[in-house]
Protein backbone atom coordinates (compact mmCIF):
# COMPACT_ATOMS: atom_id res chain seq x y z
CA MET A 1 0.16 0.01 -0.10
CA ASP A 2 0.89 3.45 -0.93
CA PRO A 3 2.29 5.13 2.50
CA LEU A 4 0.60 8.33 1.43
CA ARG A 5 -2.54 6.60 0.95
CA GLY A 6 -2.30 4.72 4.14
CA SER A 7 -1.44 7.30 6.60
CA VAL A 8 -1.91 10.76 4.69
CA MET A 9 -3.76 13.92 6.30
CA PHE A 10 -6.74 14.02 8.40
CA LYS A 11 -8.77 11.60 10.55
CA MET A 12 -9.50 12.07 14.41
CA VAL A 13 -12.55 12.65 15.95
CA SER A 14 -13.80 13.74 19.18
CA VAL A 15 -12.97 10.53 21.17
CA ALA A 16 -9.00 10.89 20.03
CA ALA A 17 -9.74 14.74 21.55
CA SER A 18 -11.49 13.31 24.35
CA GLY A 19 -8.81 11.19 25.00
CA VAL A 20 -5.83 14.40 25.27
CA LEU A 21 -8.58 16.37 27.27
CA ALA A 22 -8.63 13.69 29.78
CA LEU A 23 -5.03 12.91 30.16
CA GLY A 24 -4.73 16.90 30.44
CA LEU A 25 -7.56 16.87 32.97
CA GLY A 26 -5.94 13.69 34.84
CA LEU A 27 -2.42 15.85 34.99
CA ALA A 28 -4.77 18.85 36.44
CA GLY A 29 -6.40 16.71 38.92
CA CYS A 30 -3.22 15.26 39.98
CA ALA A 31 -1.25 18.30 40.37
CA ALA A 32 -4.29 19.17 42.71
CA LEU A 33 -3.86 16.31 44.68
CA ASP A 34 -0.57 16.82 45.54
CA GLN A 35 -0.80 18.30 48.79
CA SER A 36 3.52 18.18 49.19
CA LYS A 37 3.75 21.43 46.88
CA PRO A 38 2.72 25.14 48.31
CA SER A 39 -0.97 26.25 47.25
CA ALA A 40 -1.14 28.47 44.17
CA GLN A 41 -0.28 32.19 44.82
CA SER A 42 -1.30 35.04 43.08
CA ASP A 43 2.12 36.47 42.23
CA SER A 44 2.63 36.41 38.32
CA ALA A 45 5.86 34.05 38.96
CA SER A 46 3.71 31.01 40.25
CA ALA A 47 1.02 32.05 37.40
CA THR A 48 3.01 30.76 34.99
CA LYS A 49 4.32 27.68 36.47
CA GLU A 50 0.69 26.53 36.92
CA LEU A 51 -1.16 24.00 34.12
CA GLN A 52 -3.37 25.77 31.85
CA ILE A 53 -5.88 24.25 29.28
CA LYS A 54 -7.31 26.20 26.52
CA PRO A 55 -9.76 24.16 24.34
CA ILE A 56 -8.51 24.47 20.45
CA VAL A 57 -11.91 23.04 18.76
CA GLN A 58 -14.78 21.07 20.10
CA THR A 59 -17.89 20.35 17.74
CA SER A 60 -20.23 17.80 16.47
CA THR A 61 -19.76 18.47 13.10
CA GLY A 62 -17.10 18.98 10.33
CA LEU A 63 -16.34 21.59 8.01
CA SER A 64 -18.95 20.44 5.27
CA GLY A 65 -21.58 21.06 8.19
CA LYS A 66 -22.26 17.82 8.72
CA PRO A 67 -21.84 15.45 11.41
CA PHE A 68 -19.62 12.66 12.00
CA ALA A 69 -20.18 8.88 13.03
CA TYR A 70 -17.49 6.75 14.63
CA PRO A 71 -16.34 3.40 12.98
CA GLN A 72 -17.97 0.10 14.35
CA GLY A 73 -14.79 -2.09 14.21
CA GLU A 74 -11.92 -2.58 16.49
CA PRO A 75 -11.03 1.03 17.63
CA GLU A 76 -7.55 2.37 16.63
CA LEU A 77 -6.73 5.92 17.58
CA ARG A 78 -3.95 7.72 15.08
CA LEU A 79 -1.65 10.64 15.76
CA LEU A 80 -0.10 11.70 12.49
CA ARG A 81 2.48 13.90 11.43
CA VAL A 82 1.70 15.36 7.90
CA GLU A 83 4.55 17.51 6.43
CA PHE A 84 3.51 19.51 3.05
CA PRO A 85 6.62 21.01 1.17
CA VAL A 86 5.95 24.18 -0.22
CA GLY A 87 3.79 23.84 -2.76
CA GLY A 88 2.90 20.32 -1.87
CA GLN A 89 -0.76 19.22 -1.61
CA VAL A 90 -3.22 16.06 -0.58
CA PRO A 91 -4.80 15.58 -3.85
CA LEU A 92 -8.66 14.83 -3.94
CA HIS A 93 -9.99 12.85 -1.21
CA THR A 94 -12.21 11.37 1.67
CA HIS A 95 -12.04 9.95 5.18
CA PRO A 96 -13.51 6.58 6.19
CA ALA A 97 -13.66 8.12 9.82
CA PRO A 98 -13.34 11.45 11.79
CA LEU A 99 -10.65 13.44 12.37
CA ILE A 100 -8.99 16.45 13.92
CA ALA A 101 -6.52 18.49 12.23
CA TYR A 102 -3.83 21.08 13.81
CA VAL A 103 -1.88 23.42 12.17
CA ALA A 104 1.72 23.46 13.89
CA GLN A 105 3.72 24.91 11.09
CA GLY A 106 2.86 27.37 7.59
CA GLN A 107 -0.65 28.15 5.89
CA ILE A 108 -2.92 25.15 4.49
CA ARG A 109 -5.95 25.67 2.61
CA HIS A 110 -9.01 23.01 2.75
CA THR A 111 -11.45 23.01 -0.21
CA ARG A 112 -14.13 21.21 -0.68
CA GLY A 113 -16.36 22.52 -4.19
CA ASP A 114 -17.13 26.05 -3.53
CA GLN A 115 -15.98 26.22 -0.01
CA VAL A 116 -12.24 27.22 0.64
CA ASN A 117 -10.80 27.27 4.37
CA ARG A 118 -7.56 28.77 5.28
CA PHE A 119 -5.80 27.92 8.32
CA GLY A 120 -2.60 28.83 10.05
CA PRO A 121 -0.48 27.84 12.96
CA GLY A 122 -2.43 27.28 16.35
CA GLU A 123 -5.65 26.56 14.08
CA ALA A 124 -7.57 23.47 14.09
CA PHE A 125 -10.68 21.92 12.47
CA VAL A 126 -12.57 18.69 12.16
CA GLU A 127 -13.17 16.67 8.88
CA SER A 128 -16.26 14.61 8.95
CA ASN A 129 -16.57 11.28 7.23
CA GLN A 130 -19.87 12.35 5.71
CA GLY A 131 -18.23 15.66 4.50
CA GLY A 132 -17.00 14.61 0.99
CA PRO A 133 -14.27 15.05 -1.20
CA HIS A 134 -11.57 17.82 -0.82
CA ARG A 135 -8.14 18.27 -0.95
CA VAL A 136 -5.60 20.06 1.30
CA ASP A 137 -2.89 22.59 -0.41
CA ASN A 138 0.49 24.36 1.37
CA VAL A 139 -0.69 27.91 0.40
CA GLY A 140 2.55 29.26 2.11
CA ASP A 141 5.95 30.40 1.32
CA GLU A 142 7.52 27.44 3.98
CA PRO A 143 6.83 24.01 4.56
CA ALA A 144 3.42 23.35 6.78
CA VAL A 145 3.41 20.67 9.40
CA VAL A 146 -0.18 19.46 10.40
CA PHE A 147 -0.85 17.07 13.67
CA VAL A 148 -3.80 14.70 12.45
CA ALA A 149 -5.64 12.83 15.02
CA VAL A 150 -7.87 10.17 14.25
CA ALA A 151 -10.39 8.04 16.22
CA SER A 152 -11.04 5.36 13.48
CA GLU A 153 -10.71 1.00 13.30
CA LYS A 154 -8.06 -1.15 12.82
CA ASP A 155 -7.33 -1.56 9.41
CA LEU A 156 -9.50 1.42 8.23
CA PRO A 157 -7.56 3.67 6.12
CA THR A 158 -7.18 7.05 6.91
CA THR A 159 -7.27 8.41 3.61
CA ASN A 160 -9.40 7.37 0.08
CA PHE A 161 -8.31 9.23 -2.92
CA VAL A 162 -10.79 10.12 -5.50
CA GLU A 163 -10.52 10.72 -8.88
CA PRO A 164 -11.79 14.14 -9.91
CA GLN A 165 -15.04 14.42 -11.50
CA PRO A 166 -14.90 15.94 -15.17
């Protein structure tokens, strides 16, 4: 199998996001239960040492506005690092499972028909497995890095490439 087809872009879902959130909350809870540490102080020095959890994206629909559905087989979470060279792209494709994509570096354009979205560093989006064919392009002047978390099932591909319709 072509590695691009087996593990390219997009797919995570709220399950993976929930796992990350649960891990963060668990860490916060562990820190709160540690009685050997002094309590939080209001000065700026102690404030910078406290755990901070800030939501990045939370939704029940993808960019298309359609809800996503979780696969029914043996569950498998995936976290992918996708590196786009300048001018690089993921051609027209779909996803059989929902995902969350987080842009760490660069500028990308996500295109589905007439719907065009641009994302830069620190921005994220959800791609529904009900959303239809789309493509992703690096439109910046530097390589783009996108982390993709997928809530999938064992042996299900991350990406299914689609032949463009004339």
